[in-house]
Amino acid sequence: MRVTMRFILVLFICFFFSTNSFSDQTVRLTTGEWAPFISEKFKHDGYYTHIVTEAFKLAGVKTEYKFYPWKRTTLYAEKADKWDGGFAYSITDARKKIFHYTNPVAESCVVIFHLKDYNFDWQDESDFAGHKFGATGGYRVLKKLEEIRKAGTEFKIQTTNTDLQNFHKLVRKRINVFPCNREVGLGIIQKEFPPEVAKSITYHEKPFDCSSFHVVLSKNSEKSTHWVELFNKGLKHLHESGKYEQLNEAFIRGDYELQE
């Protein structure tokens, strides 16, 4: 009888600690400022961050985030010594060599901004000839522009460290056009410029580039595929429950932006 009770007790202890360790799972991710999608200044650290948090939560996983400049965000996500991965990243051949990708957190498009008094129209990439482009370092848009120019279309590219710097250059007419994520660009224009200046900026309706954005988990981590599986499971439930659409509607209403 004592042996049986001892055996049951051991089984109970093992079950308790195994279930407790599962419920205490925490994925640690790096990210960077990318308003209005990701920002420490917004509720839930922004729309994309909220999706990631809720998807992992539905899979029984807690989330921990750390904001860095984007180049360091990628570096720390790849090393996987303290952080398991990062978000939100588009798919590139170079990244696929070092990261496992989850299913898309969201999708978004880049459009080309310009001043209203600047005559800009384009139907294909040959129409870029002669224009002076602004680009933000570290983004895939810069790489795409360089590839277009390398293929034979002649235009200039000036790079800066941030999207805001590029918009300032656009307003000062140091560049003619600037490809930027549509929502990001509109948010910067609204918040960073006086109304009379904001009204002078527009964008071409034709998308320059559309991408899906993902959580990436470093292949240097033994648990990377485990996190991918759990996130995809939670994201599926988020869609099926209708919660994903609710988060999207909240983003459109501007609910994530804290009122000053």
C-alpha atoms as a PDB file:
ATOM      1  CA  MET A   1       0.000   0.000   0.000  1.00  0.00           C
ATOM      2  CA  ARG A   2       2.848   2.369   0.932  1.00  0.00           C
ATOM      3  CA  VAL A   3       4.570   1.643  -2.380  1.00  0.00           C
ATOM      4  CA  THR A   4       1.368   2.391  -4.277  1.00  0.00           C
ATOM      5  CA  MET A   5       0.816   5.660  -2.420  1.00  0.00           C
ATOM      6  CA  ARG A   6       4.431   6.643  -2.981  1.00  0.00           C
ATOM      7  CA  PHE A   7       4.106   5.910  -6.696  1.00  0.00           C
ATOM      8  CA  ILE A   8       0.917   7.989  -6.935  1.00  0.00           C
ATOM      9  CA  LEU A   9       2.606  10.857  -5.087  1.00  0.00           C
ATOM     10  CA  VAL A  10       5.585  10.802  -7.479  1.00  0.00           C
ATOM     11  CA  LEU A  11       3.233  10.811 -10.470  1.00  0.00           C
ATOM     12  CA  PHE A  12       1.314  13.759  -9.024  1.00  0.00           C
ATOM     13  CA  ILE A  13       4.509  15.768  -8.429  1.00  0.00           C
ATOM     14  CA  CYS A  14       5.747  15.073 -11.956  1.00  0.00           C
ATOM     15  CA  PHE A  15       2.371  16.058 -13.423  1.00  0.00           C
ATOM     16  CA  PHE A  16       2.222  19.245 -11.338  1.00  0.00           C
ATOM     17  CA  PHE A  17       5.651  20.464 -12.371  1.00  0.00           C
ATOM     18  CA  SER A  18       5.238  19.548 -16.032  1.00  0.00           C
ATOM     19  CA  THR A  19       1.900  21.365 -16.356  1.00  0.00           C
ATOM     20  CA  ASN A  20       3.171  24.280 -14.304  1.00  0.00           C
ATOM     21  CA  SER A  21       6.262  24.646 -16.498  1.00  0.00           C
ATOM     22  CA  PHE A  22       4.064  24.620 -19.599  1.00  0.00           C
ATOM     23  CA  SER A  23       1.772  27.309 -18.231  1.00  0.00           C
ATOM     24  CA  ASP A  24       4.833  29.400 -17.357  1.00  0.00           C
ATOM     25  CA  GLN A  25       6.287  29.321 -20.868  1.00  0.00           C
ATOM     26  CA  THR A  26       7.555  32.737 -21.914  1.00  0.00           C
ATOM     27  CA  VAL A  27       8.777  33.686 -25.379  1.00  0.00           C
ATOM     28  CA  ARG A  28      11.183  36.634 -25.481  1.00  0.00           C
ATOM     29  CA  LEU A  29      11.155  38.795 -28.593  1.00  0.00           C
ATOM     30  CA  THR A  30      12.974  41.881 -29.819  1.00  0.00           C
ATOM     31  CA  THR A  31      11.302  44.597 -31.859  1.00  0.00           C
ATOM     32  CA  GLY A  32      11.674  48.268 -32.795  1.00  0.00           C
ATOM     33  CA  GLU A  33       9.697  51.471 -33.115  1.00  0.00           C
ATOM     34  CA  TRP A  34       7.484  51.335 -36.199  1.00  0.00           C
ATOM     35  CA  ALA A  35       4.420  53.459 -35.457  1.00  0.00           C
ATOM     36  CA  PRO A  36       1.530  53.053 -35.926  1.00  0.00           C
ATOM     37  CA  PHE A  37       2.073  49.272 -35.939  1.00  0.00           C
ATOM     38  CA  ILE A  38       4.637  48.857 -33.149  1.00  0.00           C
ATOM     39  CA  SER A  39       5.471  51.466 -30.523  1.00  0.00           C
ATOM     40  CA  GLU A  40       6.229  51.671 -26.818  1.00  0.00           C
ATOM     41  CA  LYS A  41       4.184  54.882 -26.837  1.00  0.00           C
ATOM     42  CA  PHE A  42       0.974  53.050 -27.828  1.00  0.00           C
ATOM     43  CA  LYS A  43      -1.457  50.847 -25.914  1.00  0.00           C
ATOM     44  CA  HIS A  44      -0.340  47.209 -25.896  1.00  0.00           C
ATOM     45  CA  ASP A  45       2.881  48.427 -27.564  1.00  0.00           C
ATOM     46  CA  GLY A  46       0.936  48.844 -30.799  1.00  0.00           C
ATOM     47  CA  TYR A  47      -1.385  46.913 -33.092  1.00  0.00           C
ATOM     48  CA  TYR A  48       1.065  44.258 -34.342  1.00  0.00           C
ATOM     49  CA  THR A  49       2.407  43.689 -30.829  1.00  0.00           C
ATOM     50  CA  HIS A  50      -1.111  43.159 -29.528  1.00  0.00           C
ATOM     51  CA  ILE A  51      -1.766  40.501 -32.190  1.00  0.00           C
ATOM     52  CA  VAL A  52       1.453  38.691 -31.242  1.00  0.00           C
ATOM     53  CA  THR A  53       0.594  38.858 -27.526  1.00  0.00           C
ATOM     54  CA  GLU A  54      -2.954  37.553 -28.020  1.00  0.00           C
ATOM     55  CA  ALA A  55      -1.918  34.751 -30.391  1.00  0.00           C
ATOM     56  CA  PHE A  56       0.707  33.424 -28.005  1.00  0.00           C
ATOM     57  CA  LYS A  57      -1.671  33.829 -25.053  1.00  0.00           C
ATOM     58  CA  LEU A  58      -4.225  31.579 -26.776  1.00  0.00           C
ATOM     59  CA  ALA A  59      -1.485  28.962 -27.013  1.00  0.00           C
ATOM     60  CA  GLY A  60      -0.653  29.272 -23.315  1.00  0.00           C
ATOM     61  CA  VAL A  61       2.503  31.340 -23.791  1.00  0.00           C
ATOM     62  CA  LYS A  62       3.474  34.606 -22.107  1.00  0.00           C
ATOM     63  CA  THR A  63       5.381  37.257 -24.052  1.00  0.00           C
ATOM     64  CA  GLU A  64       8.263  39.534 -23.149  1.00  0.00           C
ATOM     65  CA  TYR A  65       9.426  42.333 -25.471  1.00  0.00           C
ATOM     66  CA  LYS A  66      12.452  44.582 -25.716  1.00  0.00           C
ATOM     67  CA  PHE A  67      12.712  47.570 -28.064  1.00  0.00           C
ATOM     68  CA  TYR A  68      15.981  48.287 -29.868  1.00  0.00           C
ATOM     69  CA  PRO A  69      17.058  50.162 -33.002  1.00  0.00           C
ATOM     70  CA  TRP A  70      16.141  47.864 -35.897  1.00  0.00           C
ATOM     71  CA  LYS A  71      19.656  46.719 -36.788  1.00  0.00           C
ATOM     72  CA  ARG A  72      20.250  45.617 -33.206  1.00  0.00           C
ATOM     73  CA  THR A  73      16.782  44.095 -33.062  1.00  0.00           C
ATOM     74  CA  THR A  74      17.709  41.734 -35.881  1.00  0.00           C
ATOM     75  CA  LEU A  75      21.168  40.993 -34.471  1.00  0.00           C
ATOM     76  CA  TYR A  76      19.876  40.071 -31.008  1.00  0.00           C
ATOM     77  CA  ALA A  77      17.007  38.045 -32.472  1.00  0.00           C
ATOM     78  CA  GLU A  78      19.492  36.004 -34.524  1.00  0.00           C
ATOM     79  CA  LYS A  79      21.955  35.377 -31.667  1.00  0.00           C
ATOM     80  CA  ALA A  80      19.220  33.766 -29.527  1.00  0.00           C
ATOM     81  CA  ASP A  81      21.279  33.914 -26.338  1.00  0.00           C
ATOM     82  CA  LYS A  82      18.743  35.984 -24.391  1.00  0.00           C
ATOM     83  CA  TRP A  83      16.016  36.531 -26.969  1.00  0.00           C
ATOM     84  CA  ASP A  84      14.161  33.821 -28.906  1.00  0.00           C
ATOM     85  CA  GLY A  85      13.431  35.930 -31.978  1.00  0.00           C
ATOM     86  CA  GLY A  86      11.840  39.167 -33.103  1.00  0.00           C
ATOM     87  CA  PHE A  87       9.037  40.808 -35.076  1.00  0.00           C
ATOM     88  CA  ALA A  88       7.647  42.111 -37.399  1.00  0.00           C
ATOM     89  CA  TYR A  89       9.684  41.026 -40.423  1.00  0.00           C
ATOM     90  CA  SER A  90       8.945  40.505 -44.091  1.00  0.00           C
ATOM     91  CA  ILE A  91      10.314  37.436 -45.834  1.00  0.00           C
ATOM     92  CA  THR A  92      13.680  37.725 -47.583  1.00  0.00           C
ATOM     93  CA  ASP A  93      16.090  35.074 -48.839  1.00  0.00           C
ATOM     94  CA  ALA A  94      18.765  36.292 -46.413  1.00  0.00           C
ATOM     95  CA  ARG A  95      16.452  36.091 -43.397  1.00  0.00           C
ATOM     96  CA  LYS A  96      15.183  32.638 -44.342  1.00  0.00           C
ATOM     97  CA  LYS A  97      18.728  31.341 -43.803  1.00  0.00           C
ATOM     98  CA  ILE A  98      18.771  32.403 -40.144  1.00  0.00           C
ATOM     99  CA  PHE A  99      15.118  32.456 -39.040  1.00  0.00           C
ATOM    100  CA  HIS A 100      12.013  30.302 -38.980  1.00  0.00           C
ATOM    101  CA  TYR A 101       8.911  32.319 -39.926  1.00  0.00           C
ATOM    102  CA  THR A 102       5.464  32.140 -38.350  1.00  0.00           C
ATOM    103  CA  ASN A 103       2.282  32.610 -40.331  1.00  0.00           C
ATOM    104  CA  PRO A 104       1.660  36.305 -41.117  1.00  0.00           C
ATOM    105  CA  VAL A 105       0.878  38.656 -38.254  1.00  0.00           C
ATOM    106  CA  ALA A 106      -0.501  41.121 -40.830  1.00  0.00           C
ATOM    107  CA  GLU A 107      -0.035  42.441 -44.358  1.00  0.00           C
ATOM    108  CA  SER A 108       0.671  45.989 -45.516  1.00  0.00           C
ATOM    109  CA  CYS A 109       1.783  47.971 -48.569  1.00  0.00           C
ATOM    110  CA  VAL A 110       4.388  50.610 -49.403  1.00  0.00           C
ATOM    111  CA  VAL A 111       3.319  53.589 -51.526  1.00  0.00           C
ATOM    112  CA  ILE A 112       5.350  56.458 -52.971  1.00  0.00           C
ATOM    113  CA  PHE A 113       4.891  59.821 -51.234  1.00  0.00           C
ATOM    114  CA  HIS A 114       5.561  63.141 -52.947  1.00  0.00           C
ATOM    115  CA  LEU A 115       4.595  66.808 -52.706  1.00  0.00           C
ATOM    116  CA  LYS A 116       1.354  67.763 -54.424  1.00  0.00           C
ATOM    117  CA  ASP A 117       3.134  70.360 -56.522  1.00  0.00           C
ATOM    118  CA  TYR A 118       5.594  67.747 -57.810  1.00  0.00           C
ATOM    119  CA  ASN A 119       4.448  66.017 -60.987  1.00  0.00           C
ATOM    120  CA  PHE A 120       4.862  62.296 -60.295  1.00  0.00           C
ATOM    121  CA  ASP A 121       3.100  59.385 -61.951  1.00  0.00           C
ATOM    122  CA  TRP A 122       4.210  55.837 -62.525  1.00  0.00           C
ATOM    123  CA  GLN A 123       2.864  52.712 -64.175  1.00  0.00           C
ATOM    124  CA  ASP A 124       6.058  50.667 -64.230  1.00  0.00           C
ATOM    125  CA  GLU A 125       9.571  50.990 -62.838  1.00  0.00           C
ATOM    126  CA  SER A 126      10.928  52.683 -65.969  1.00  0.00           C
ATOM    127  CA  ASP A 127       8.922  55.755 -64.880  1.00  0.00           C
ATOM    128  CA  PHE A 128      11.329  56.189 -61.937  1.00  0.00           C
ATOM    129  CA  ALA A 129      13.998  57.533 -64.299  1.00  0.00           C
ATOM    130  CA  GLY A 130      15.259  60.991 -63.398  1.00  0.00           C
ATOM    131  CA  HIS A 131      13.586  61.187 -59.975  1.00  0.00           C
ATOM    132  CA  LYS A 132      15.451  61.649 -56.700  1.00  0.00           C
ATOM    133  CA  PHE A 133      14.330  58.967 -54.238  1.00  0.00           C
ATOM    134  CA  GLY A 134      14.628  58.956 -50.476  1.00  0.00           C
ATOM    135  CA  ALA A 135      15.061  55.618 -48.690  1.00  0.00           C
ATOM    136  CA  THR A 136      15.446  54.437 -45.102  1.00  0.00           C
ATOM    137  CA  GLY A 137      18.488  52.305 -44.330  1.00  0.00           C
ATOM    138  CA  GLY A 138      17.893  48.686 -43.332  1.00  0.00           C
ATOM    139  CA  TYR A 139      14.508  48.351 -45.042  1.00  0.00           C
ATOM    140  CA  ARG A 140      13.792  46.014 -47.948  1.00  0.00           C
ATOM    141  CA  VAL A 141      12.494  49.012 -49.959  1.00  0.00           C
ATOM    142  CA  LEU A 142      16.073  50.279 -50.266  1.00  0.00           C
ATOM    143  CA  LYS A 143      17.231  46.930 -51.602  1.00  0.00           C
ATOM    144  CA  LYS A 144      14.384  46.880 -54.123  1.00  0.00           C
ATOM    145  CA  LEU A 145      15.241  50.392 -55.342  1.00  0.00           C
ATOM    146  CA  GLU A 146      18.878  49.408 -55.743  1.00  0.00           C
ATOM    147  CA  GLU A 147      17.870  46.338 -57.758  1.00  0.00           C
ATOM    148  CA  ILE A 148      15.696  48.463 -60.065  1.00  0.00           C
ATOM    149  CA  ARG A 149      18.538  50.902 -60.625  1.00  0.00           C
ATOM    150  CA  LYS A 150      20.994  48.078 -61.203  1.00  0.00           C
ATOM    151  CA  ALA A 151      18.649  46.685 -63.874  1.00  0.00           C
ATOM    152  CA  GLY A 152      19.118  49.888 -65.907  1.00  0.00           C
ATOM    153  CA  THR A 153      16.657  52.578 -64.744  1.00  0.00           C
ATOM    154  CA  GLU A 154      18.645  55.687 -63.832  1.00  0.00           C
ATOM    155  CA  PHE A 155      17.586  57.627 -60.730  1.00  0.00           C
ATOM    156  CA  LYS A 156      19.218  58.876 -57.531  1.00  0.00           C
ATOM    157  CA  ILE A 157      18.797  57.402 -54.053  1.00  0.00           C
ATOM    158  CA  GLN A 158      19.523  59.266 -50.809  1.00  0.00           C
ATOM    159  CA  THR A 159      19.395  57.217 -47.601  1.00  0.00           C
ATOM    160  CA  THR A 160      18.704  58.302 -44.012  1.00  0.00           C
ATOM    161  CA  ASN A 161      18.239  56.456 -40.729  1.00  0.00           C
ATOM    162  CA  THR A 162      14.516  57.101 -40.220  1.00  0.00           C
ATOM    163  CA  ASP A 163      11.308  57.628 -42.164  1.00  0.00           C
ATOM    164  CA  LEU A 164      10.788  60.962 -40.394  1.00  0.00           C
ATOM    165  CA  GLN A 165      14.117  62.253 -41.705  1.00  0.00           C
ATOM    166  CA  ASN A 166      13.051  61.333 -45.213  1.00  0.00           C
ATOM    167  CA  PHE A 167       9.779  63.232 -44.885  1.00  0.00           C
ATOM    168  CA  HIS A 168      11.678  66.308 -43.711  1.00  0.00           C
ATOM    169  CA  LYS A 169      13.886  66.001 -46.797  1.00  0.00           C
ATOM    170  CA  LEU A 170      10.790  65.625 -48.970  1.00  0.00           C
ATOM    171  CA  VAL A 171       9.240  68.796 -47.539  1.00  0.00           C
ATOM    172  CA  ARG A 172      12.518  70.680 -48.099  1.00  0.00           C
ATOM    173  CA  LYS A 173      12.629  69.319 -51.680  1.00  0.00           C
ATOM    174  CA  ARG A 174      15.986  67.634 -51.148  1.00  0.00           C
ATOM    175  CA  ILE A 175      14.322  64.493 -52.519  1.00  0.00           C
ATOM    176  CA  ASN A 176      11.371  64.236 -54.918  1.00  0.00           C
ATOM    177  CA  VAL A 177       9.724  60.992 -53.850  1.00  0.00           C
ATOM    178  CA  PHE A 178       9.814  58.650 -50.858  1.00  0.00           C
ATOM    179  CA  PRO A 179       8.493  55.054 -50.749  1.00  0.00           C
ATOM    180  CA  CYS A 180       7.092  54.348 -47.283  1.00  0.00           C
ATOM    181  CA  ASN A 181       4.500  52.106 -45.679  1.00  0.00           C
ATOM    182  CA  ARG A 182       1.197  53.872 -46.233  1.00  0.00           C
ATOM    183  CA  GLU A 183      -0.061  53.816 -42.624  1.00  0.00           C
ATOM    184  CA  VAL A 184       3.357  54.676 -41.214  1.00  0.00           C
ATOM    185  CA  GLY A 185       3.739  57.601 -43.608  1.00  0.00           C
ATOM    186  CA  LEU A 186       0.283  59.009 -42.961  1.00  0.00           C
ATOM    187  CA  GLY A 187       0.864  58.753 -39.206  1.00  0.00           C
ATOM    188  CA  ILE A 188       4.170  60.649 -39.435  1.00  0.00           C
ATOM    189  CA  ILE A 189       2.658  63.361 -41.629  1.00  0.00           C
ATOM    190  CA  GLN A 190      -0.258  63.870 -39.258  1.00  0.00           C
ATOM    191  CA  LYS A 191       1.796  63.956 -36.042  1.00  0.00           C
ATOM    192  CA  GLU A 192       5.072  65.582 -37.056  1.00  0.00           C
ATOM    193  CA  PHE A 193       4.069  68.402 -39.404  1.00  0.00           C
ATOM    194  CA  PRO A 194       1.838  71.479 -39.129  1.00  0.00           C
ATOM    195  CA  PRO A 195      -1.517  71.093 -40.934  1.00  0.00           C
ATOM    196  CA  GLU A 196      -0.510  73.398 -43.798  1.00  0.00           C
ATOM    197  CA  VAL A 197       2.620  71.305 -44.448  1.00  0.00           C
ATOM    198  CA  ALA A 198       0.791  67.998 -44.028  1.00  0.00           C
ATOM    199  CA  LYS A 199      -1.729  69.071 -46.665  1.00  0.00           C
ATOM    200  CA  SER A 200       1.091  69.590 -49.165  1.00  0.00           C
ATOM    201  CA  ILE A 201       2.065  65.887 -49.104  1.00  0.00           C
ATOM    202  CA  THR A 202       0.272  63.144 -51.005  1.00  0.00           C
ATOM    203  CA  TYR A 203       1.032  59.661 -52.324  1.00  0.00           C
ATOM    204  CA  HIS A 204       0.516  57.667 -55.516  1.00  0.00           C
ATOM    205  CA  GLU A 205      -2.267  55.097 -55.179  1.00  0.00           C
ATOM    206  CA  LYS A 206      -0.312  52.374 -56.999  1.00  0.00           C
ATOM    207  CA  PRO A 207       1.448  50.154 -54.397  1.00  0.00           C
ATOM    208  CA  PHE A 208       5.209  49.989 -54.768  1.00  0.00           C
ATOM    209  CA  ASP A 209       5.539  46.869 -52.655  1.00  0.00           C
ATOM    210  CA  CYS A 210       3.228  44.741 -50.499  1.00  0.00           C
ATOM    211  CA  SER A 211       4.496  42.426 -47.797  1.00  0.00           C
ATOM    212  CA  SER A 212       3.350  40.134 -45.053  1.00  0.00           C
ATOM    213  CA  PHE A 213       4.972  40.604 -41.652  1.00  0.00           C
ATOM    214  CA  HIS A 214       5.881  37.772 -39.317  1.00  0.00           C
ATOM    215  CA  VAL A 215       7.379  36.754 -36.012  1.00  0.00           C
ATOM    216  CA  VAL A 216      10.829  35.278 -36.707  1.00  0.00           C
ATOM    217  CA  LEU A 217      12.480  32.687 -34.451  1.00  0.00           C
ATOM    218  CA  SER A 218      16.212  32.133 -34.629  1.00  0.00           C
ATOM    219  CA  LYS A 219      17.461  28.846 -36.006  1.00  0.00           C
ATOM    220  CA  ASN A 220      20.172  29.100 -33.327  1.00  0.00           C
ATOM    221  CA  SER A 221      17.508  28.277 -30.749  1.00  0.00           C
ATOM    222  CA  GLU A 222      16.450  24.674 -30.156  1.00  0.00           C
ATOM    223  CA  LYS A 223      12.915  25.862 -29.360  1.00  0.00           C
ATOM    224  CA  SER A 224      12.387  27.935 -32.521  1.00  0.00           C
ATOM    225  CA  THR A 225      10.071  25.467 -34.272  1.00  0.00           C
ATOM    226  CA  HIS A 226       8.235  24.939 -30.974  1.00  0.00           C
ATOM    227  CA  TRP A 227       7.456  28.669 -30.754  1.00  0.00           C
ATOM    228  CA  VAL A 228       6.409  28.787 -34.417  1.00  0.00           C
ATOM    229  CA  GLU A 229       3.989  25.910 -33.897  1.00  0.00           C
ATOM    230  CA  LEU A 230       2.428  27.485 -30.797  1.00  0.00           C
ATOM    231  CA  PHE A 231       2.117  30.928 -32.391  1.00  0.00           C
ATOM    232  CA  ASN A 232       0.454  29.553 -35.529  1.00  0.00           C
ATOM    233  CA  LYS A 233      -1.959  27.575 -33.375  1.00  0.00           C
ATOM    234  CA  GLY A 234      -2.876  30.671 -31.341  1.00  0.00           C
ATOM    235  CA  LEU A 235      -3.137  32.874 -34.444  1.00  0.00           C
ATOM    236  CA  LYS A 236      -5.549  30.384 -36.015  1.00  0.00           C
ATOM    237  CA  HIS A 237      -7.772  30.573 -32.931  1.00  0.00           C
ATOM    238  CA  LEU A 238      -7.512  34.373 -32.981  1.00  0.00           C
ATOM    239  CA  HIS A 239      -8.894  34.447 -36.534  1.00  0.00           C
ATOM    240  CA  GLU A 240     -11.578  31.829 -35.908  1.00  0.00           C
ATOM    241  CA  SER A 241     -12.861  33.577 -32.782  1.00  0.00           C
ATOM    242  CA  GLY A 242     -13.321  36.904 -34.570  1.00  0.00           C
ATOM    243  CA  LYS A 243     -10.865  38.590 -32.175  1.00  0.00           C
ATOM    244  CA  TYR A 244      -8.368  39.294 -34.960  1.00  0.00           C
ATOM    245  CA  GLU A 245     -10.978  41.323 -36.837  1.00  0.00           C
ATOM    246  CA  GLN A 246     -11.818  43.184 -33.627  1.00  0.00           C
ATOM    247  CA  LEU A 247      -8.167  44.162 -33.195  1.00  0.00           C
ATOM    248  CA  ASN A 248      -8.049  45.348 -36.797  1.00  0.00           C
ATOM    249  CA  GLU A 249     -11.153  47.484 -36.286  1.00  0.00           C
ATOM    250  CA  ALA A 250      -9.586  48.977 -33.136  1.00  0.00           C
ATOM    251  CA  PHE A 251      -6.472  49.856 -35.139  1.00  0.00           C
ATOM    252  CA  ILE A 252      -8.527  51.573 -37.845  1.00  0.00           C
ATOM    253  CA  ARG A 253     -10.357  53.612 -35.175  1.00  0.00           C
ATOM    254  CA  GLY A 254      -7.013  54.732 -33.725  1.00  0.00           C
ATOM    255  CA  ASP A 255      -7.638  53.050 -30.377  1.00  0.00           C
ATOM    256  CA  TYR A 256      -3.986  52.116 -29.877  1.00  0.00           C
ATOM    257  CA  GLU A 257      -2.719  55.685 -29.928  1.00  0.00           C
ATOM    258  CA  LEU A 258      -2.471  57.232 -26.471  1.00  0.00           C
ATOM    259  CA  GLN A 259      -4.026  60.656 -26.189  1.00  0.00           C
ATOM    260  CA  GLU A 260      -1.603  63.362 -25.087  1.00  0.00           C
END
